[in-house]
């Protein structure tokens, strides 16, 4: 009766956790057109955890007997998760906007897991069903992975050791950048400290989860609570923790403010015939924004927005700015996140609010127009967006800030 109730709780927790995780991972990818590398990697990590959560939640049900082809579907992702965690940590701390040339090698553990279960993937539905039924009657067989190609237990060893290895490398990245002087200077701000605290929380949570699962068998707990239940609870717990943290501190998605790689000198900028930023980015070895690139981009962006005021066009998007400046969208998004700790829409709305403030102060004719009409002329496409932008920037309503009734 106890085992049955634990499995029921695991099913509910795993299903809810997976649903939440899949939703958050999709939102991270589709909200806005800005997809910095760190956000994509975080989405991938949450997606992997969600797969584990639902996969192990379904072990106590008849799902895999009915749909045998779904068994071991999540196995390769168990080899990808720790690699993604390391790359996410590195991309945040190094402020990278693209992967490095040999980063694909970090996903070898995931491909090994695919090879490990390849013979099983190629079986017919009835053959899979027979093997799954045998493992469900004796779940120890599932743990040692009799359906895999490698010797018993090797697959689990590969995932455990690579998981600990990449998590440890991620922790080392955090430790290393905490020690360098440029990061210490950056970390004085509340925003950057919040991001660093988030990374510490994430890495500590994942490391603890790996250690608990590895020690599970040695402590003999698996005889009382099955291993798949432990993985299900752990995955669901990580998802709830990560999503709660993101909900409470959404600005961590913008990345560090300022530049930790300020000691890097761009060789392009020291040449007599300076190439454009876009040309610099065609070099595959360039994976982050140097201080020199940051200074140039800041000048280009500020001059364009202040002098040309392209934001007064309703529906102005980051791809429009990219086309006007001849700078790739991903670079503009990364720059805005790092330099302003905002996304593109927030930055543009700030400029629109400032535009309205200046217009009301400098143009006598503006007194003849309603505040809402002026807001629309500044590019705001709705009343609610205008109110929200003013409140976010100044902490006041438009009526209170501009001393005029919003009509």
Protein backbone atom coordinates (compact mmCIF):
# COMPACT_ATOMS: atom_id res chain seq x y z
CA UNK A 1 0.00 0.00 0.00
CA UNK A 2 2.88 2.36 0.87
CA UNK A 3 4.64 1.58 -2.41
CA UNK A 4 1.47 2.23 -4.36
CA UNK A 5 0.89 5.57 -2.65
CA UNK A 6 4.48 6.65 -3.27
CA UNK A 7 4.12 5.78 -6.94
CA UNK A 8 0.89 7.76 -7.12
CA UNK A 9 2.57 10.78 -5.54
CA UNK A 10 5.51 10.37 -7.91
CA UNK A 11 3.13 10.27 -10.89
CA UNK A 12 1.33 13.45 -9.80
CA UNK A 13 4.54 15.33 -8.91
CA UNK A 14 6.29 14.19 -12.08
CA UNK A 15 3.35 15.09 -14.33
CA UNK A 16 2.86 18.53 -12.79
CA UNK A 17 6.61 19.20 -12.79
CA UNK A 18 6.96 18.14 -16.42
CA UNK A 19 3.98 20.24 -17.51
CA UNK A 20 5.41 23.29 -15.75
CA UNK A 21 8.89 22.64 -17.13
CA UNK A 22 7.77 22.16 -20.73
CA UNK A 23 5.69 25.34 -20.52
CA UNK A 24 8.60 27.40 -19.15
CA UNK A 25 11.11 25.99 -21.66
CA UNK A 26 8.77 26.90 -24.53
CA UNK A 27 8.12 30.37 -23.13
CA UNK A 28 11.87 31.01 -22.90
CA UNK A 29 12.15 30.28 -26.61
CA UNK A 30 9.10 31.99 -28.06
CA UNK A 31 8.67 35.14 -25.94
CA UNK A 32 10.06 38.06 -27.97
CA UNK A 33 12.44 37.53 -30.87
CA UNK A 34 15.49 37.80 -28.63
CA UNK A 35 17.10 34.43 -28.03
CA UNK A 36 20.48 34.92 -26.34
CA UNK A 37 22.55 31.75 -26.06
CA UNK A 38 22.16 31.54 -22.30
CA UNK A 39 18.35 31.64 -22.53
CA UNK A 40 18.32 28.89 -25.19
CA UNK A 41 20.60 26.71 -23.07
CA UNK A 42 18.50 27.27 -19.95
CA UNK A 43 15.43 26.30 -21.96
CA UNK A 44 17.24 23.13 -23.05
CA UNK A 45 18.19 22.26 -19.48
CA UNK A 46 14.62 22.67 -18.23
CA UNK A 47 13.36 20.62 -21.18
CA UNK A 48 15.72 17.75 -20.28
CA UNK A 49 14.61 17.83 -16.64
CA UNK A 50 10.97 17.82 -17.77
CA UNK A 51 11.59 14.73 -19.92
CA UNK A 52 13.15 12.93 -16.94
CA UNK A 53 10.28 13.98 -14.71
CA UNK A 54 7.52 12.63 -16.95
CA UNK A 55 9.50 9.58 -18.08
CA UNK A 56 10.07 8.28 -14.55
CA UNK A 57 6.61 9.34 -13.39
CA UNK A 58 5.12 7.00 -16.02
CA UNK A 59 7.15 3.96 -14.90
CA UNK A 60 4.55 3.04 -12.29
CA UNK A 61 1.76 3.09 -14.88
CA UNK A 62 0.79 1.00 -17.92
CA UNK A 63 1.90 3.72 -20.31
CA UNK A 64 5.07 1.99 -21.57
CA UNK A 65 3.30 -1.32 -22.03
CA UNK A 66 0.78 0.43 -24.27
CA UNK A 67 3.36 2.64 -25.98
CA UNK A 68 6.65 0.68 -25.86
CA UNK A 69 8.40 2.93 -28.37
CA UNK A 70 8.41 5.72 -25.78
CA UNK A 71 10.62 3.69 -23.41
CA UNK A 72 14.19 5.02 -23.18
CA UNK A 73 13.27 8.03 -25.30
CA UNK A 74 14.73 10.36 -22.66
CA UNK A 75 17.97 8.37 -22.25
CA UNK A 76 20.14 10.43 -24.66
CA UNK A 77 18.94 13.62 -22.97
CA UNK A 78 20.33 12.33 -19.67
CA UNK A 79 23.74 12.60 -21.32
CA UNK A 80 23.01 16.08 -22.65
CA UNK A 81 21.72 17.70 -19.44
CA UNK A 82 25.02 18.16 -17.60
CA UNK A 83 26.75 19.38 -20.78
CA UNK A 84 24.02 21.98 -21.24
CA UNK A 85 24.36 23.03 -17.59
CA UNK A 86 28.09 23.64 -18.07
CA UNK A 87 27.58 25.56 -21.31
CA UNK A 88 24.82 27.64 -19.71
CA UNK A 89 27.07 28.59 -16.78
CA UNK A 90 29.95 29.43 -19.09
CA UNK A 91 27.78 31.47 -21.45
CA UNK A 92 26.41 33.57 -18.56
CA UNK A 93 29.77 34.24 -16.92
CA UNK A 94 31.71 34.75 -20.17
CA UNK A 95 28.75 36.58 -21.75
CA UNK A 96 28.94 34.42 -24.85
CA UNK A 97 26.37 34.68 -27.62
CA UNK A 98 27.41 31.66 -29.68
CA UNK A 99 28.94 28.25 -29.04
CA UNK A 100 32.62 27.66 -29.56
CA UNK A 101 34.00 25.54 -32.37
CA UNK A 102 34.51 22.29 -30.43
CA UNK A 103 31.57 22.54 -28.02
CA UNK A 104 29.81 19.76 -29.93
CA UNK A 105 32.28 17.33 -28.31
CA UNK A 106 30.65 18.05 -24.95
CA UNK A 107 27.54 16.21 -26.13
CA UNK A 108 29.36 12.91 -26.66
CA UNK A 109 27.83 11.36 -23.48
CA UNK A 110 24.36 11.91 -24.91
CA UNK A 111 25.29 10.27 -28.20
CA UNK A 112 26.83 7.35 -26.26
CA UNK A 113 23.47 6.86 -24.55
CA UNK A 114 21.79 6.81 -27.95
CA UNK A 115 24.25 4.18 -29.19
CA UNK A 116 23.78 2.25 -25.94
CA UNK A 117 20.05 1.82 -26.53
CA UNK A 118 20.15 1.75 -30.35
CA UNK A 119 19.56 -2.06 -30.54
CA UNK A 120 16.47 -1.60 -28.34
CA UNK A 121 15.19 1.29 -30.46
CA UNK A 122 15.30 -0.97 -33.54
CA UNK A 123 13.15 -3.75 -32.03
CA UNK A 124 9.50 -4.22 -32.89
CA UNK A 125 6.76 -3.05 -30.56
CA UNK A 126 6.03 -6.59 -29.32
CA UNK A 127 9.70 -7.30 -28.61
CA UNK A 128 10.02 -4.04 -26.68
CA UNK A 129 6.83 -4.79 -24.77
CA UNK A 130 8.22 -8.16 -23.60
CA UNK A 131 11.49 -6.61 -22.38
CA UNK A 132 9.69 -3.76 -20.62
CA UNK A 133 7.33 -6.18 -18.87
CA UNK A 134 10.32 -8.21 -17.63
CA UNK A 135 12.04 -5.08 -16.26
CA UNK A 136 8.87 -3.82 -14.60
CA UNK A 137 8.49 -7.14 -12.78
CA UNK A 138 12.07 -6.74 -11.55
CA UNK A 139 13.05 -3.09 -11.67
CA UNK A 140 16.64 -3.92 -10.76
CA UNK A 141 16.95 -5.13 -14.37
CA UNK A 142 15.91 -1.69 -15.55
CA UNK A 143 18.53 -0.08 -13.33
CA UNK A 144 21.35 -2.18 -14.75
CA UNK A 145 19.84 -1.57 -18.20
CA UNK A 146 19.57 -5.07 -19.66
CA UNK A 147 17.98 -3.44 -22.70
CA UNK A 148 21.22 -1.59 -23.46
CA UNK A 149 24.19 -2.61 -25.58
CA UNK A 150 26.94 -1.85 -23.03
CA UNK A 151 27.70 -4.22 -20.13
CA UNK A 152 25.32 -4.04 -17.14
CA UNK A 153 25.64 -0.80 -15.20
CA UNK A 154 28.01 0.90 -17.67
CA UNK A 155 25.33 3.28 -18.95
CA UNK A 156 24.52 4.43 -15.42
CA UNK A 157 28.23 4.92 -14.71
CA UNK A 158 28.68 7.03 -17.85
CA UNK A 159 25.79 9.31 -16.94
CA UNK A 160 26.80 9.63 -13.30
CA UNK A 161 30.49 10.34 -13.91
CA UNK A 162 29.92 12.77 -16.80
CA UNK A 163 27.16 14.45 -14.81
CA UNK A 164 29.48 15.05 -11.88
CA UNK A 165 32.32 16.05 -14.21
CA UNK A 166 30.41 18.73 -16.13
CA UNK A 167 28.70 20.02 -12.99
CA UNK A 168 32.12 20.31 -11.34
CA UNK A 169 33.45 22.16 -14.39
CA UNK A 170 30.53 24.56 -14.17
CA UNK A 171 31.27 25.15 -10.49
CA UNK A 172 34.91 25.81 -11.38
CA UNK A 173 33.80 28.40 -13.96
CA UNK A 174 31.80 30.18 -11.27
CA UNK A 175 34.71 30.02 -8.83
CA UNK A 176 37.20 31.25 -11.44
CA UNK A 177 35.17 34.27 -12.49
CA UNK A 178 34.37 35.19 -8.94
CA UNK A 179 38.09 35.54 -8.32
CA UNK A 180 39.10 37.69 -11.28
CA UNK A 181 39.25 41.41 -10.62
CA UNK A 182 36.99 42.47 -13.48
CA UNK A 183 34.21 40.21 -12.23
CA UNK A 184 34.61 41.49 -8.66
CA UNK A 185 34.10 45.02 -9.98
CA UNK A 186 31.07 43.92 -12.01
CA UNK A 187 29.64 41.97 -9.12
CA UNK A 188 29.27 45.04 -6.93
CA UNK A 189 25.89 45.80 -8.49
CA UNK A 190 22.72 44.24 -7.13
CA UNK A 191 21.73 42.85 -10.53
CA UNK A 192 24.98 40.98 -11.11
CA UNK A 193 25.03 39.69 -7.55
CA UNK A 194 21.52 38.33 -8.10
CA UNK A 195 22.65 36.46 -11.20
CA UNK A 196 25.68 35.03 -9.46
CA UNK A 197 23.53 33.91 -6.52
CA UNK A 198 21.20 32.23 -9.02
CA UNK A 199 24.09 30.30 -10.57
CA UNK A 200 25.29 29.19 -7.14
CA UNK A 201 21.77 28.00 -6.29
CA UNK A 202 21.38 26.15 -9.61
CA UNK A 203 24.77 24.44 -9.47
CA UNK A 204 24.40 23.49 -5.80
CA UNK A 205 20.94 22.02 -6.45
CA UNK A 206 22.09 19.96 -9.43
CA UNK A 207 25.24 18.75 -7.64
CA UNK A 208 23.22 17.71 -4.60
CA UNK A 209 20.78 15.85 -6.85
CA UNK A 210 23.58 13.92 -8.55
CA UNK A 211 25.18 13.02 -5.22
CA UNK A 212 21.89 11.84 -3.74
CA UNK A 213 21.11 9.65 -6.73
CA UNK A 214 24.62 8.17 -6.83
CA UNK A 215 24.53 7.40 -3.10
CA UNK A 216 21.03 5.97 -3.34
CA UNK A 217 22.16 2.39 -3.93
CA UNK A 218 25.12 2.51 -1.56
CA UNK A 219 22.89 3.64 1.30
CA UNK A 220 20.40 0.87 0.64
CA UNK A 221 17.48 3.27 0.30
CA UNK A 222 16.49 1.74 -3.05
CA UNK A 223 15.15 -1.31 -1.24
CA UNK A 224 12.49 0.92 0.35
CA UNK A 225 11.92 3.52 -2.36
CA UNK A 226 12.60 2.49 -5.95
CA UNK A 227 15.27 4.29 -7.90
CA UNK A 228 12.93 5.53 -10.62
CA UNK A 229 10.81 7.20 -7.92
CA UNK A 230 13.92 8.93 -6.58
CA UNK A 231 14.80 10.26 -10.04
CA UNK A 232 11.21 11.36 -10.60
CA UNK A 233 11.03 13.26 -7.33
CA UNK A 234 14.47 14.80 -7.87
CA UNK A 235 13.68 15.99 -11.42
CA UNK A 236 10.32 17.43 -10.39
CA UNK A 237 11.92 19.16 -7.39
CA UNK A 238 14.58 20.75 -9.57
CA UNK A 239 11.95 21.99 -12.02
CA UNK A 240 9.82 23.55 -9.28
CA UNK A 241 12.90 25.20 -7.74
CA UNK A 242 14.22 26.59 -11.03
CA UNK A 243 10.84 27.87 -12.22
CA UNK A 244 10.08 29.48 -8.86
CA UNK A 245 13.44 31.25 -8.92
CA UNK A 246 12.84 32.49 -12.46
CA UNK A 247 9.40 33.75 -11.50
CA UNK A 248 10.78 35.68 -8.52
CA UNK A 249 13.87 37.01 -10.35
CA UNK A 250 13.06 37.23 -14.09
CA UNK A 251 15.86 39.76 -14.73
CA UNK A 252 18.46 36.98 -14.41
CA UNK A 253 17.52 36.08 -17.99
CA UNK A 254 19.17 39.30 -19.23
CA UNK A 255 22.63 38.20 -18.14
CA UNK A 256 25.38 40.12 -16.40
CA UNK A 257 25.46 43.88 -16.75
CA UNK A 258 28.77 45.29 -17.92
CA UNK A 259 31.59 43.28 -19.47
CA UNK A 260 33.62 40.64 -17.65
CA UNK A 261 35.93 40.17 -20.63
CA UNK A 262 37.06 43.80 -20.62
CA UNK A 263 40.69 42.72 -20.76
CA UNK A 264 40.16 41.27 -24.21
CA UNK A 265 41.44 43.51 -26.98
CA UNK A 266 39.85 43.14 -30.37
CA UNK A 267 42.58 42.69 -33.00
CA UNK A 268 40.15 43.93 -35.63
CA UNK A 269 39.91 47.38 -34.07
CA UNK A 270 43.69 47.85 -34.05
CA UNK A 271 43.98 47.49 -37.79
CA UNK A 272 44.23 50.58 -40.00
CA UNK A 273 41.24 49.55 -42.11
CA UNK A 274 38.75 48.81 -39.40
CA UNK A 275 36.10 46.26 -40.36
CA UNK A 276 32.48 46.53 -39.32
CA UNK A 277 31.12 44.73 -36.29
CA UNK A 278 29.25 42.40 -38.60
CA UNK A 279 32.52 41.42 -40.28
CA UNK A 280 34.08 40.73 -36.91
CA UNK A 281 31.28 38.35 -36.07
CA UNK A 282 31.90 36.30 -39.20
CA UNK A 283 35.01 35.04 -37.44
CA UNK A 284 33.88 31.77 -35.82
CA UNK A 285 36.41 32.20 -33.00
CA UNK A 286 34.57 35.30 -31.75
CA UNK A 287 32.02 34.12 -29.19
CA UNK A 288 31.56 37.17 -26.94
CA UNK A 289 31.57 40.96 -27.03
CA UNK A 290 34.89 42.63 -26.26
CA UNK A 291 35.09 45.99 -24.47
CA UNK A 292 36.02 47.72 -27.72
CA UNK A 293 33.01 46.25 -29.52
CA UNK A 294 30.83 47.28 -26.58
CA UNK A 295 31.99 50.90 -26.77
CA UNK A 296 31.44 51.09 -30.52
CA UNK A 297 28.01 49.46 -30.34
CA UNK A 298 26.94 51.73 -27.50
CA UNK A 299 27.80 54.82 -29.55
CA UNK A 300 26.10 53.51 -32.68
CA UNK A 301 22.93 52.50 -30.85
CA UNK A 302 22.60 55.63 -28.71
CA UNK A 303 23.21 57.97 -31.65
CA UNK A 304 20.71 56.18 -33.84
CA UNK A 305 17.93 56.09 -31.24
CA UNK A 306 18.44 59.67 -30.06
CA UNK A 307 18.95 61.31 -33.44
CA UNK A 308 16.72 59.26 -35.75
CA UNK A 309 14.04 58.21 -33.24
CA UNK A 310 13.00 55.08 -35.19
CA UNK A 311 11.03 53.89 -32.13
CA UNK A 312 8.15 56.31 -32.84
CA UNK A 313 7.01 53.82 -35.48
CA UNK A 314 4.35 51.57 -33.96
CA UNK A 315 5.36 47.92 -33.89
CA UNK A 316 9.08 48.71 -34.07
CA UNK A 317 11.00 45.43 -33.65
CA UNK A 318 14.54 44.34 -32.98
CA UNK A 319 14.85 43.05 -36.54
CA UNK A 320 14.09 46.59 -37.76
CA UNK A 321 16.90 47.98 -35.64
CA UNK A 322 19.17 45.19 -36.88
CA UNK A 323 18.45 46.10 -40.48
CA UNK A 324 18.99 49.82 -39.87
CA UNK A 325 22.34 49.35 -38.13
CA UNK A 326 23.49 46.36 -40.21
CA UNK A 327 24.21 44.43 -37.02
CA UNK A 328 22.90 40.88 -36.43
CA UNK A 329 19.81 40.53 -34.21
CA UNK A 330 21.50 38.14 -31.79
CA UNK A 331 24.34 40.61 -31.18
CA UNK A 332 22.00 43.56 -30.60
CA UNK A 333 19.92 41.49 -28.18
CA UNK A 334 23.00 40.32 -26.26
CA UNK A 335 24.39 43.84 -26.11
CA UNK A 336 21.13 45.37 -24.81
CA UNK A 337 20.77 42.63 -22.19
CA UNK A 338 24.32 43.14 -20.95
CA UNK A 339 24.60 46.92 -21.23
CA UNK A 340 21.16 47.90 -19.94
CA UNK A 341 19.95 44.80 -18.09
CA UNK A 342 16.77 45.05 -20.15
CA UNK A 343 15.30 43.42 -23.20
CA UNK A 344 14.75 45.25 -26.48
CA UNK A 345 11.10 46.14 -25.84
CA UNK A 346 11.87 47.60 -22.41
CA UNK A 347 14.69 49.74 -23.80
CA UNK A 348 12.55 51.04 -26.66
CA UNK A 349 9.67 51.84 -24.31
CA UNK A 350 12.07 53.79 -22.08
CA UNK A 351 13.09 55.88 -25.09
CA UNK A 352 9.43 56.46 -25.92
CA UNK A 353 8.71 57.67 -22.39
CA UNK A 354 11.69 60.06 -22.55
CA UNK A 355 10.50 61.25 -25.97
CA UNK A 356 7.09 62.11 -24.52
CA UNK A 357 8.67 63.92 -21.56
CA UNK A 358 10.81 66.07 -23.85
CA UNK A 359 7.90 66.73 -26.20
CA UNK A 360 5.66 67.98 -23.40
CA UNK A 361 8.42 70.27 -22.09
CA UNK A 362 9.68 71.66 -25.38
CA UNK A 363 6.67 71.78 -27.69
CA UNK A 364 3.81 74.20 -26.86
CA UNK A 365 1.64 72.53 -29.49
CA UNK A 366 1.64 69.30 -27.49
CA UNK A 367 -0.68 70.94 -24.96
CA UNK A 368 -3.49 70.70 -27.51
CA UNK A 369 -3.28 66.91 -27.71
CA UNK A 370 -4.39 64.27 -25.24
CA UNK A 371 -1.74 62.30 -23.40
CA UNK A 372 -2.97 59.08 -25.01
CA UNK A 373 -2.67 60.60 -28.50
CA UNK A 374 0.89 61.70 -27.74
CA UNK A 375 1.69 58.21 -26.49
CA UNK A 376 0.50 56.71 -29.76
CA UNK A 377 2.57 59.23 -31.72
CA UNK A 378 5.61 58.03 -29.73
CA UNK A 379 5.07 54.45 -30.89
CA UNK A 380 3.00 52.96 -28.07
CA UNK A 381 0.35 50.77 -29.63
CA UNK A 382 -1.88 50.49 -26.56
CA UNK A 383 -2.89 52.44 -23.49
CA UNK A 384 -1.90 49.59 -21.14
CA UNK A 385 1.59 49.31 -22.62
CA UNK A 386 2.12 53.04 -22.16
CA UNK A 387 0.97 52.98 -18.52
CA UNK A 388 3.11 49.92 -17.74
CA UNK A 389 6.21 51.48 -19.35
CA UNK A 390 5.87 54.73 -17.39
CA UNK A 391 5.31 52.88 -14.10
CA UNK A 392 8.33 50.66 -14.72
CA UNK A 393 10.64 53.56 -15.54
CA UNK A 394 9.46 56.15 -13.00
CA UNK A 395 7.28 54.27 -10.52
CA UNK A 396 4.36 56.64 -11.26
CA UNK A 397 1.29 56.65 -13.45
CA UNK A 398 1.41 58.83 -16.60
CA UNK A 399 -1.11 61.22 -15.06
CA UNK A 400 1.03 61.69 -11.95
CA UNK A 401 4.31 61.95 -13.84
CA UNK A 402 3.20 64.39 -16.53
CA UNK A 403 0.62 66.17 -14.37
CA UNK A 404 -1.98 65.65 -17.04
CA UNK A 405 -5.11 63.54 -17.14
CA UNK A 406 -4.77 60.42 -19.29
CA UNK A 407 -7.67 60.57 -21.76
